[in-house]
Structures are given as C-alpha cells and as structure tokens.
PDB file of N, CA and C in Angstrom:
ATOM      1  N   MET A   1      23.416  11.973   5.007  1.00  0.00           N
ATOM      2  CA  MET A   1      21.598  11.156   5.469  1.00  0.00           C
ATOM      3  C   MET A   1      21.682  10.465   4.205  1.00  0.00           C
ATOM      4  N   SER A   2      20.725  10.125   4.215  1.00  0.00           N
ATOM      5  CA  SER A   2      19.657   8.716   3.373  1.00  0.00           C
ATOM      6  C   SER A   2      19.173   9.477   3.002  1.00  0.00           C
ATOM      7  N   SER A   3      18.364   9.123   1.409  1.00  0.00           N
ATOM      8  CA  SER A   3      17.153  10.610   1.255  1.00  0.00           C
ATOM      9  C   SER A   3      15.801   9.538   2.141  1.00  0.00           C
ATOM     10  N   PHE A   4      15.817   8.655   2.734  1.00  0.00           N
ATOM     11  CA  PHE A   4      14.861   7.879   3.297  1.00  0.00           C
ATOM     12  C   PHE A   4      14.288   8.078   5.159  1.00  0.00           C
ATOM     13  N   LYS A   5      15.451   8.402   5.480  1.00  0.00           N
ATOM     14  CA  LYS A   5      16.080   8.749   7.068  1.00  0.00           C
ATOM     15  C   LYS A   5      15.916  10.368   7.448  1.00  0.00           C
ATOM     16  N   LYS A   6      15.902  11.204   5.711  1.00  0.00           N
ATOM     17  CA  LYS A   6      15.096  12.808   5.429  1.00  0.00           C
ATOM     18  C   LYS A   6      13.759  12.509   5.938  1.00  0.00           C
ATOM     19  N   GLU A   7      13.716  11.805   4.822  1.00  0.00           N
ATOM     20  CA  GLU A   7      12.000  11.756   4.642  1.00  0.00           C
ATOM     21  C   GLU A   7      11.212  10.564   5.607  1.00  0.00           C
ATOM     22  N   MET A   8      11.675  10.906   6.884  1.00  0.00           N
ATOM     23  CA  MET A   8      11.149   9.252   7.715  1.00  0.00           C
ATOM     24  C   MET A   8      10.959  10.497   8.700  1.00  0.00           C
ATOM     25  N   ILE A   9      12.511  10.987   9.011  1.00  0.00           N
ATOM     26  CA  ILE A   9      12.233  12.312  10.244  1.00  0.00           C
ATOM     27  C   ILE A   9      11.613  14.018  10.315  1.00  0.00           C
ATOM     28  N   HIS A  10      10.716  13.844   8.504  1.00  0.00           N
ATOM     29  CA  HIS A  10      10.063  15.473   7.650  1.00  0.00           C
ATOM     30  C   HIS A  10       8.726  14.026   8.118  1.00  0.00           C
ATOM     31  N   LEU A  11       7.936  12.866   7.950  1.00  0.00           N
ATOM     32  CA  LEU A  11       7.098  12.386   8.415  1.00  0.00           C
ATOM     33  C   LEU A  11       6.871  13.015   9.621  1.00  0.00           C
ATOM     34  N   LEU A  12       7.422  11.584  11.021  1.00  0.00           N
ATOM     35  CA  LEU A  12       7.639  12.057  12.047  1.00  0.00           C
ATOM     36  C   LEU A  12       7.590  13.272  12.436  1.00  0.00           C
ATOM     37  N   ALA A  13       8.492  14.199  12.629  1.00  0.00           N
ATOM     38  CA  ALA A  13       7.649  16.030  12.128  1.00  0.00           C
ATOM     39  C   ALA A  13       6.143  15.747  11.939  1.00  0.00           C
ATOM     40  N   ASN A  14       6.060  16.191  11.155  1.00  0.00           N
ATOM     41  CA  ASN A  14       5.188  16.076  10.310  1.00  0.00           C
ATOM     42  C   ASN A  14       3.635  15.664  12.104  1.00  0.00           C
ATOM     43  N   TYR A  15       3.444  14.165  12.343  1.00  0.00           N
ATOM     44  CA  TYR A  15       2.736  13.789  12.491  1.00  0.00           C
ATOM     45  C   TYR A  15       2.714  14.281  14.478  1.00  0.00           C
ATOM     46  N   GLY A  16       3.925  14.536  14.553  1.00  0.00           N
ATOM     47  CA  GLY A  16       4.497  15.284  15.644  1.00  0.00           C
ATOM     48  C   GLY A  16       3.702  16.380  15.982  1.00  0.00           C
ATOM     49  N   HIS A  17       3.517  16.951  15.358  1.00  0.00           N
ATOM     50  CA  HIS A  17       3.602  18.352  15.250  1.00  0.00           C
ATOM     51  C   HIS A  17       1.880  18.009  14.974  1.00  0.00           C
ATOM     52  N   VAL A  18       1.170  17.767  14.278  1.00  0.00           N
ATOM     53  CA  VAL A  18      -0.052  17.214  14.234  1.00  0.00           C
ATOM     54  C   VAL A  18      -0.867  16.718  15.563  1.00  0.00           C
ATOM     55  N   GLY A  19       0.132  15.473  16.633  1.00  0.00           N
ATOM     56  CA  GLY A  19      -0.147  14.983  18.129  1.00  0.00           C
ATOM     57  C   GLY A  19      -0.413  16.087  18.713  1.00  0.00           C
ATOM     58  N   PHE A  20       0.528  17.103  18.717  1.00  0.00           N
ATOM     59  CA  PHE A  20       0.746  18.033  19.776  1.00  0.00           C
ATOM     60  C   PHE A  20      -0.244  19.015  20.186  1.00  0.00           C
ATOM     61  N   THR A  21      -0.420  18.829  18.682  1.00  0.00           N
ATOM     62  CA  THR A  21      -1.198  20.911  18.829  1.00  0.00           C
ATOM     63  C   THR A  21      -3.351  19.978  18.784  1.00  0.00           C
ATOM     64  N   PHE A  22      -3.172  19.323  18.426  1.00  0.00           N
ATOM     65  CA  PHE A  22      -4.706  18.734  18.680  1.00  0.00           C
ATOM     66  C   PHE A  22      -4.599  18.391  20.056  1.00  0.00           C
ATOM     67  N   VAL A  23      -3.488  17.316  21.079  1.00  0.00           N
ATOM     68  CA  VAL A  23      -4.204  17.514  22.417  1.00  0.00           C
ATOM     69  C   VAL A  23      -4.538  18.470  23.368  1.00  0.00           C
ATOM     70  N   ALA A  24      -3.129  19.587  22.594  1.00  0.00           N
ATOM     71  CA  ALA A  24      -2.635  21.037  23.371  1.00  0.00           C
ATOM     72  C   ALA A  24      -3.966  22.408  23.337  1.00  0.00           C
ATOM     73  N   CYS A  25      -4.477  21.998  21.808  1.00  0.00           N
ATOM     74  CA  CYS A  25      -5.866  22.648  22.233  1.00  0.00           C
ATOM     75  C   CYS A  25      -6.951  21.904  22.986  1.00  0.00           C
ATOM     76  N   ILE A  26      -7.479  20.980  23.209  1.00  0.00           N
ATOM     77  CA  ILE A  26      -8.780  20.569  23.487  1.00  0.00           C
ATOM     78  C   ILE A  26      -7.703  20.716  25.954  1.00  0.00           C
ATOM     79  N   PHE A  27      -6.740  20.587  25.728  1.00  0.00           N
ATOM     80  CA  PHE A  27      -5.880  21.040  27.394  1.00  0.00           C
ATOM     81  C   PHE A  27      -6.587  22.599  27.141  1.00  0.00           C
ATOM     82  N   ILE A  28      -6.458  23.246  26.575  1.00  0.00           N
ATOM     83  CA  ILE A  28      -6.365  25.006  26.960  1.00  0.00           C
ATOM     84  C   ILE A  28      -7.908  24.444  26.924  1.00  0.00           C
ATOM     85  N   GLY A  29      -8.634  24.513  25.749  1.00  0.00           N
ATOM     86  CA  GLY A  29     -10.335  24.445  26.055  1.00  0.00           C
ATOM     87  C   GLY A  29     -11.021  23.724  27.945  1.00  0.00           C
ATOM     88  N   LEU A  30     -10.267  22.932  27.599  1.00  0.00           N
ATOM     89  CA  LEU A  30     -10.270  22.651  29.520  1.00  0.00           C
ATOM     90  C   LEU A  30     -10.620  22.861  30.398  1.00  0.00           C
ATOM     91  N   GLY A  31      -8.813  23.311  30.382  1.00  0.00           N
ATOM     92  CA  GLY A  31      -8.545  24.505  31.230  1.00  0.00           C
ATOM     93  C   GLY A  31      -9.301  25.398  31.320  1.00  0.00           C
ATOM     94  N   GLY A  32      -9.252  26.754  30.200  1.00  0.00           N
ATOM     95  CA  GLY A  32     -10.493  27.496  30.409  1.00  0.00           C
ATOM     96  C   GLY A  32     -12.074  27.422  31.036  1.00  0.00           C
ATOM     97  N   GLY A  33     -12.482  26.491  30.398  1.00  0.00           N
ATOM     98  CA  GLY A  33     -13.438  26.268  31.144  1.00  0.00           C
ATOM     99  C   GLY A  33     -13.501  26.160  32.747  1.00  0.00           C
ATOM    100  N   ILE A  34     -12.513  25.012  33.225  1.00  0.00           N
ATOM    101  CA  ILE A  34     -12.746  24.509  34.238  1.00  0.00           C
ATOM    102  C   ILE A  34     -11.943  26.442  34.943  1.00  0.00           C
ATOM    103  N   ILE A  35     -11.843  27.539  34.907  1.00  0.00           N
ATOM    104  CA  ILE A  35     -10.885  27.843  35.413  1.00  0.00           C
ATOM    105  C   ILE A  35     -12.447  29.183  35.791  1.00  0.00           C
ATOM    106  N   LEU A  36     -12.836  28.809  34.617  1.00  0.00           N
ATOM    107  CA  LEU A  36     -14.627  29.822  34.903  1.00  0.00           C
ATOM    108  C   LEU A  36     -15.525  29.398  34.982  1.00  0.00           C
ATOM    109  N   ASP A  37     -15.527  27.970  34.881  1.00  0.00           N
ATOM    110  CA  ASP A  37     -16.348  27.543  36.449  1.00  0.00           C
ATOM    111  C   ASP A  37     -16.050  27.375  37.867  1.00  0.00           C
ATOM    112  N   GLN A  38     -14.970  28.092  38.194  1.00  0.00           N
ATOM    113  CA  GLN A  38     -13.917  27.909  39.061  1.00  0.00           C
ATOM    114  C   GLN A  38     -14.676  29.105  40.101  1.00  0.00           C
ATOM    115  N   LYS A  39     -14.710  30.602  38.788  1.00  0.00           N
ATOM    116  CA  LYS A  39     -14.383  32.223  38.903  1.00  0.00           C
ATOM    117  C   LYS A  39     -15.528  31.935  38.852  1.00  0.00           C
ATOM    118  N   VAL A  40     -17.368  31.183  38.322  1.00  0.00           N
ATOM    119  CA  VAL A  40     -18.608  32.473  37.868  1.00  0.00           C
ATOM    120  C   VAL A  40     -19.049  31.489  38.738  1.00  0.00           C
ATOM    121  N   PHE A  41     -19.120  29.846  39.194  1.00  0.00           N
ATOM    122  CA  PHE A  41     -19.764  29.220  39.843  1.00  0.00           C
ATOM    123  C   PHE A  41     -19.638  28.725  41.733  1.00  0.00           C
ATOM    124  N   ASP A  42     -17.977  29.603  41.304  1.00  0.00           N
ATOM    125  CA  ASP A  42     -17.559  29.434  42.980  1.00  0.00           C
ATOM    126  C   ASP A  42     -17.324  27.719  43.318  1.00  0.00           C
ATOM    127  N   GLY A  43     -17.312  26.801  42.445  1.00  0.00           N
ATOM    128  CA  GLY A  43     -17.369  25.541  42.941  1.00  0.00           C
ATOM    129  C   GLY A  43     -18.142  25.078  43.210  1.00  0.00           C
ATOM    130  N   SER A  44     -19.194  25.112  42.792  1.00  0.00           N
ATOM    131  CA  SER A  44     -20.422  24.622  42.867  1.00  0.00           C
ATOM    132  C   SER A  44     -20.759  23.628  41.880  1.00  0.00           C
ATOM    133  N   THR A  45     -21.314  22.821  42.047  1.00  0.00           N
ATOM    134  CA  THR A  45     -21.459  21.511  41.019  1.00  0.00           C
ATOM    135  C   THR A  45     -22.522  21.733  39.241  1.00  0.00           C
ATOM    136  N   ALA A  46     -21.598  22.554  38.460  1.00  0.00           N
ATOM    137  CA  ALA A  46     -22.301  22.916  38.091  1.00  0.00           C
ATOM    138  C   ALA A  46     -21.210  23.182  37.209  1.00  0.00           C
ATOM    139  N   PRO A  47     -20.455  21.941  35.964  1.00  0.00           N
ATOM    140  CA  PRO A  47     -20.117  22.347  35.198  1.00  0.00           C
ATOM    141  C   PRO A  47     -20.325  22.449  34.269  1.00  0.00           C
ATOM    142  N   TRP A  48     -20.485  23.408  33.380  1.00  0.00           N
ATOM    143  CA  TRP A  48     -21.181  24.004  32.356  1.00  0.00           C
ATOM    144  C   TRP A  48     -20.103  24.995  31.495  1.00  0.00           C
ATOM    145  N   PHE A  49     -18.357  25.440  31.502  1.00  0.00           N
ATOM    146  CA  PHE A  49     -18.213  26.255  31.156  1.00  0.00           C
ATOM    147  C   PHE A  49     -17.015  24.587  31.506  1.00  0.00           C
ATOM    148  N   THR A  50     -16.990  23.669  31.826  1.00  0.00           N
ATOM    149  CA  THR A  50     -15.787  23.212  31.473  1.00  0.00           C
ATOM    150  C   THR A  50     -16.808  22.240  29.492  1.00  0.00           C
ATOM    151  N   PHE A  51     -17.590  21.409  30.336  1.00  0.00           N
ATOM    152  CA  PHE A  51     -18.049  20.843  28.806  1.00  0.00           C
ATOM    153  C   PHE A  51     -17.940  22.215  27.815  1.00  0.00           C
ATOM    154  N   ILE A  52     -18.193  23.320  28.081  1.00  0.00           N
ATOM    155  CA  ILE A  52     -18.457  24.022  27.715  1.00  0.00           C
ATOM    156  C   ILE A  52     -16.912  24.669  26.426  1.00  0.00           C
ATOM    157  N   GLY A  53     -16.072  24.186  27.488  1.00  0.00           N
ATOM    158  CA  GLY A  53     -14.593  24.551  26.926  1.00  0.00           C
ATOM    159  C   GLY A  53     -14.542  23.570  26.371  1.00  0.00           C
ATOM    160  N   LEU A  54     -14.334  21.880  27.267  1.00  0.00           N
ATOM    161  CA  LEU A  54     -14.234  20.750  25.781  1.00  0.00           C
ATOM    162  C   LEU A  54     -14.632  21.206  24.487  1.00  0.00           C
ATOM    163  N   ALA A  55     -15.471  20.726  24.658  1.00  0.00           N
ATOM    164  CA  ALA A  55     -16.463  21.177  23.015  1.00  0.00           C
ATOM    165  C   ALA A  55     -15.652  21.709  22.182  1.00  0.00           C
ATOM    166  N   PHE A  56     -15.173  23.304  22.529  1.00  0.00           N
ATOM    167  CA  PHE A  56     -14.451  24.353  21.799  1.00  0.00           C
ATOM    168  C   PHE A  56     -13.384  24.327  21.571  1.00  0.00           C
ATOM    169  N   GLY A  57     -12.484  23.215  22.558  1.00  0.00           N
ATOM    170  CA  GLY A  57     -11.410  22.466  22.508  1.00  0.00           C
ATOM    171  C   GLY A  57     -11.036  21.483  21.278  1.00  0.00           C
ATOM    172  N   ILE A  58     -12.035  20.525  21.803  1.00  0.00           N
ATOM    173  CA  ILE A  58     -11.530  18.941  20.228  1.00  0.00           C
ATOM    174  C   ILE A  58     -11.852  19.726  19.128  1.00  0.00           C
ATOM    175  N   ALA A  59     -13.385  21.056  18.862  1.00  0.00           N
ATOM    176  CA  ALA A  59     -13.523  21.455  17.332  1.00  0.00           C
ATOM    177  C   ALA A  59     -12.144  21.960  16.836  1.00  0.00           C
ATOM    178  N   ALA A  60     -11.389  22.925  18.239  1.00  0.00           N
ATOM    179  CA  ALA A  60     -10.459  24.094  17.567  1.00  0.00           C
ATOM    180  C   ALA A  60      -9.562  22.798  16.907  1.00  0.00           C
ATOM    181  N   GLY A  61      -8.996  21.433  17.549  1.00  0.00           N
ATOM    182  CA  GLY A  61      -8.311  20.295  17.725  1.00  0.00           C
ATOM    183  C   GLY A  61      -8.289  20.243  16.309  1.00  0.00           C
ATOM    184  N   PHE A  62      -9.948  19.315  15.852  1.00  0.00           N
ATOM    185  CA  PHE A  62     -10.030  19.395  14.790  1.00  0.00           C
ATOM    186  C   PHE A  62     -10.110  20.164  13.335  1.00  0.00           C
ATOM    187  N   LYS A  63      -9.975  20.674  13.840  1.00  0.00           N
ATOM    188  CA  LYS A  63      -9.726  22.093  12.695  1.00  0.00           C
ATOM    189  C   LYS A  63      -8.489  22.650  12.480  1.00  0.00           C
ATOM    190  N   SER A  64      -7.380  22.700  13.731  1.00  0.00           N
ATOM    191  CA  SER A  64      -5.918  23.008  12.917  1.00  0.00           C
ATOM    192  C   SER A  64      -6.261  21.140  12.276  1.00  0.00           C
ATOM    193  N   LEU A  65      -6.112  20.094  12.681  1.00  0.00           N
ATOM    194  CA  LEU A  65      -5.795  18.647  12.504  1.00  0.00           C
ATOM    195  C   LEU A  65      -6.081  19.241  10.885  1.00  0.00           C
ATOM    196  N   PHE A  66      -8.120  19.789   9.829  1.00  0.00           N
ATOM    197  CA  PHE A  66      -7.162  19.378   8.944  1.00  0.00           C
ATOM    198  C   PHE A  66      -6.735  20.267   8.242  1.00  0.00           C
ATOM    199  N   ASP A  67      -6.721  21.577   8.775  1.00  0.00           N
ATOM    200  CA  ASP A  67      -5.744  22.225   8.122  1.00  0.00           C
ATOM    201  C   ASP A  67      -4.178  22.692   8.256  1.00  0.00           C
ATOM    202  N   ILE A  68      -3.861  21.490   8.945  1.00  0.00           N
ATOM    203  CA  ILE A  68      -2.182  21.089   8.173  1.00  0.00           C
ATOM    204  C   ILE A  68      -2.384  20.121   7.547  1.00  0.00           C
ATOM    205  N   LEU A  69      -3.163  19.616   7.280  1.00  0.00           N
ATOM    206  CA  LEU A  69      -3.674  18.040   6.460  1.00  0.00           C
ATOM    207  C   LEU A  69      -4.092  18.781   4.972  1.00  0.00           C
ATOM    208  N   TRP A  70      -4.785  20.001   4.863  1.00  0.00           N
ATOM    209  CA  TRP A  70      -4.724  20.639   3.476  1.00  0.00           C
ATOM    210  C   TRP A  70      -3.656  20.653   3.071  1.00  0.00           C
ATOM    211  N   ARG A  71      -3.104  21.188   4.373  1.00  0.00           N
ATOM    212  CA  ARG A  71      -1.641  21.995   3.406  1.00  0.00           C
ATOM    213  C   ARG A  71      -0.164  20.871   3.516  1.00  0.00           C
ATOM    214  N   VAL A  72      -0.574  19.822   3.956  1.00  0.00           N
ATOM    215  CA  VAL A  72       0.522  19.118   2.843  1.00  0.00           C
ATOM    216  C   VAL A  72       0.189  18.742   1.997  1.00  0.00           C
ATOM    217  N   LYS A  73      -1.215  18.313   1.673  1.00  0.00           N
ATOM    218  CA  LYS A  73      -2.410  17.585   0.715  1.00  0.00           C
ATOM    219  C   LYS A  73      -1.974  18.902  -0.733  1.00  0.00           C
ATOM    220  N   LYS A  74      -2.256  20.072  -0.401  1.00  0.00           N
ATOM    221  CA  LYS A  74      -1.269  21.103  -1.021  1.00  0.00           C
ATOM    222  C   LYS A  74      -0.033  21.346  -1.524  1.00  0.00           C
ATOM    223  N   ASN A  75       0.515  21.449  -0.953  1.00  0.00           N
ATOM    224  CA  ASN A  75       2.229  21.026  -0.675  1.00  0.00           C
ATOM    225  C   ASN A  75       2.321  19.465  -2.369  1.00  0.00           C
ATOM    226  N   ASP A  76       1.518  19.079  -2.617  1.00  0.00           N
ATOM    227  CA  ASP A  76       2.260  17.907  -3.004  1.00  0.00           C
ATOM    228  C   ASP A  76       1.212  17.719  -3.329  1.00  0.00           C
ATOM    229  N   GLY A  77       0.670  17.940  -3.690  1.00  0.00           N
ATOM    230  CA  GLY A  77      -0.174  18.542  -5.410  1.00  0.00           C
ATOM    231  C   GLY A  77       1.250  19.074  -6.164  1.00  0.00           C
ATOM    232  N   LYS A  78       1.590  21.040  -5.464  1.00  0.00           N
ATOM    233  CA  LYS A  78       2.274  21.530  -6.513  1.00  0.00           C
ATOM    234  C   LYS A  78       3.618  20.647  -6.865  1.00  0.00           C
ATOM    235  N   ASN A  79       4.407  19.658  -6.045  1.00  0.00           N
ATOM    236  CA  ASN A  79       5.256  19.074  -6.229  1.00  0.00           C
ATOM    237  C   ASN A  79       4.816  17.239  -7.063  1.00  0.00           C
ATOM    238  N   ASP A  80       3.793  16.838  -7.849  1.00  0.00           N
ATOM    239  CA  ASP A  80       3.860  15.295  -8.314  1.00  0.00           C
ATOM    240  C   ASP A  80       4.223  16.278 -10.127  1.00  0.00           C
ATOM    241  N   GLY A  81       4.168  17.574 -10.409  1.00  0.00           N
ATOM    242  CA  GLY A  81       4.446  17.486 -11.685  1.00  0.00           C
ATOM    243  C   GLY A  81       6.264  17.863 -11.679  1.00  0.00           C
ATOM    244  N   LYS A  82       7.273  17.746 -10.839  1.00  0.00           N
ATOM    245  CA  LYS A  82       7.856  18.076 -10.871  1.00  0.00           C
ATOM    246  C   LYS A  82       9.104  17.134 -10.662  1.00  0.00           C
ATOM    247  N   ASP A  83      10.032  16.979 -10.915  1.00  0.00           N
ATOM    248  CA  ASP A  83      11.541  15.936 -10.876  1.00  0.00           C
ATOM    249  C   ASP A  83      12.317  16.138  -9.801  1.00  0.00           C
ATOM    250  N   ASP A  84      12.039  15.437  -9.021  1.00  0.00           N
ATOM    251  CA  ASP A  84      12.725  15.686  -8.121  1.00  0.00           C
ATOM    252  C   ASP A  84      14.267  14.864  -7.461  1.00  0.00           C
ATOM    253  N   GLY A  85      13.852  14.262  -9.385  1.00  0.00           N
ATOM    254  CA  GLY A  85      16.156  13.370  -9.013  1.00  0.00           C
ATOM    255  C   GLY A  85      16.153  11.858  -8.534  1.00  0.00           C
ATOM    256  N   ARG A  86      14.651  11.408  -7.683  1.00  0.00           N
ATOM    257  CA  ARG A  86      14.673  10.520  -7.243  1.00  0.00           C
ATOM    258  C   ARG A  86      14.053   9.202  -8.183  1.00  0.00           C
ATOM    259  N   GLY A  87      14.627   9.428  -9.591  1.00  0.00           N
ATOM    260  CA  GLY A  87      14.445   8.072 -10.400  1.00  0.00           C
ATOM    261  C   GLY A  87      13.380   8.468 -11.234  1.00  0.00           C
TER     262      GLY A  87
END
C-alpha cells in the first residue's frame, strides 16, 4: 500500500474518532439528563436535568476534542526533527 493511502486512512481514522467521541459525549449527557428528569420530576414539564446533562455532554465533547487535538499536535512536534525517509 502506498504511503499516500496509509496517510489518508490514518487521517480518516483520526477524524472518525473525533466525530464519534464528540457525538457520543453529547448523547450520553442528554440521555442521562432525560433519565434523571423522569426519575426526579416524575414526568412533569421541568426539563432541568435534560438541559444540565446536555450542557455537560457538550462540555465533555469539547474537552475530548481538545485532548485529541493536543495529543496529535504533540505527536507531530516529535516527528519534526526526524527524517522519515520520504525525501
């Protein structure tokens, strides 16, 4: 397999990981908030835990996004001084 194809597969895997993690965090936070609303408020019209769970899910999604981006940036910085044999 050529190095271009390997690099494209690696990039697609990284972007897929970022997208899946971001969406999963939001759905888990939203689902937890909905479950808490149903248990605490007995199905009334006060969706407070849903909003709080959604906010925590969004915050967790952005935190995981930034963690992944910092990790990738740190790994790219380690390879800057090395010759990888591509010319």
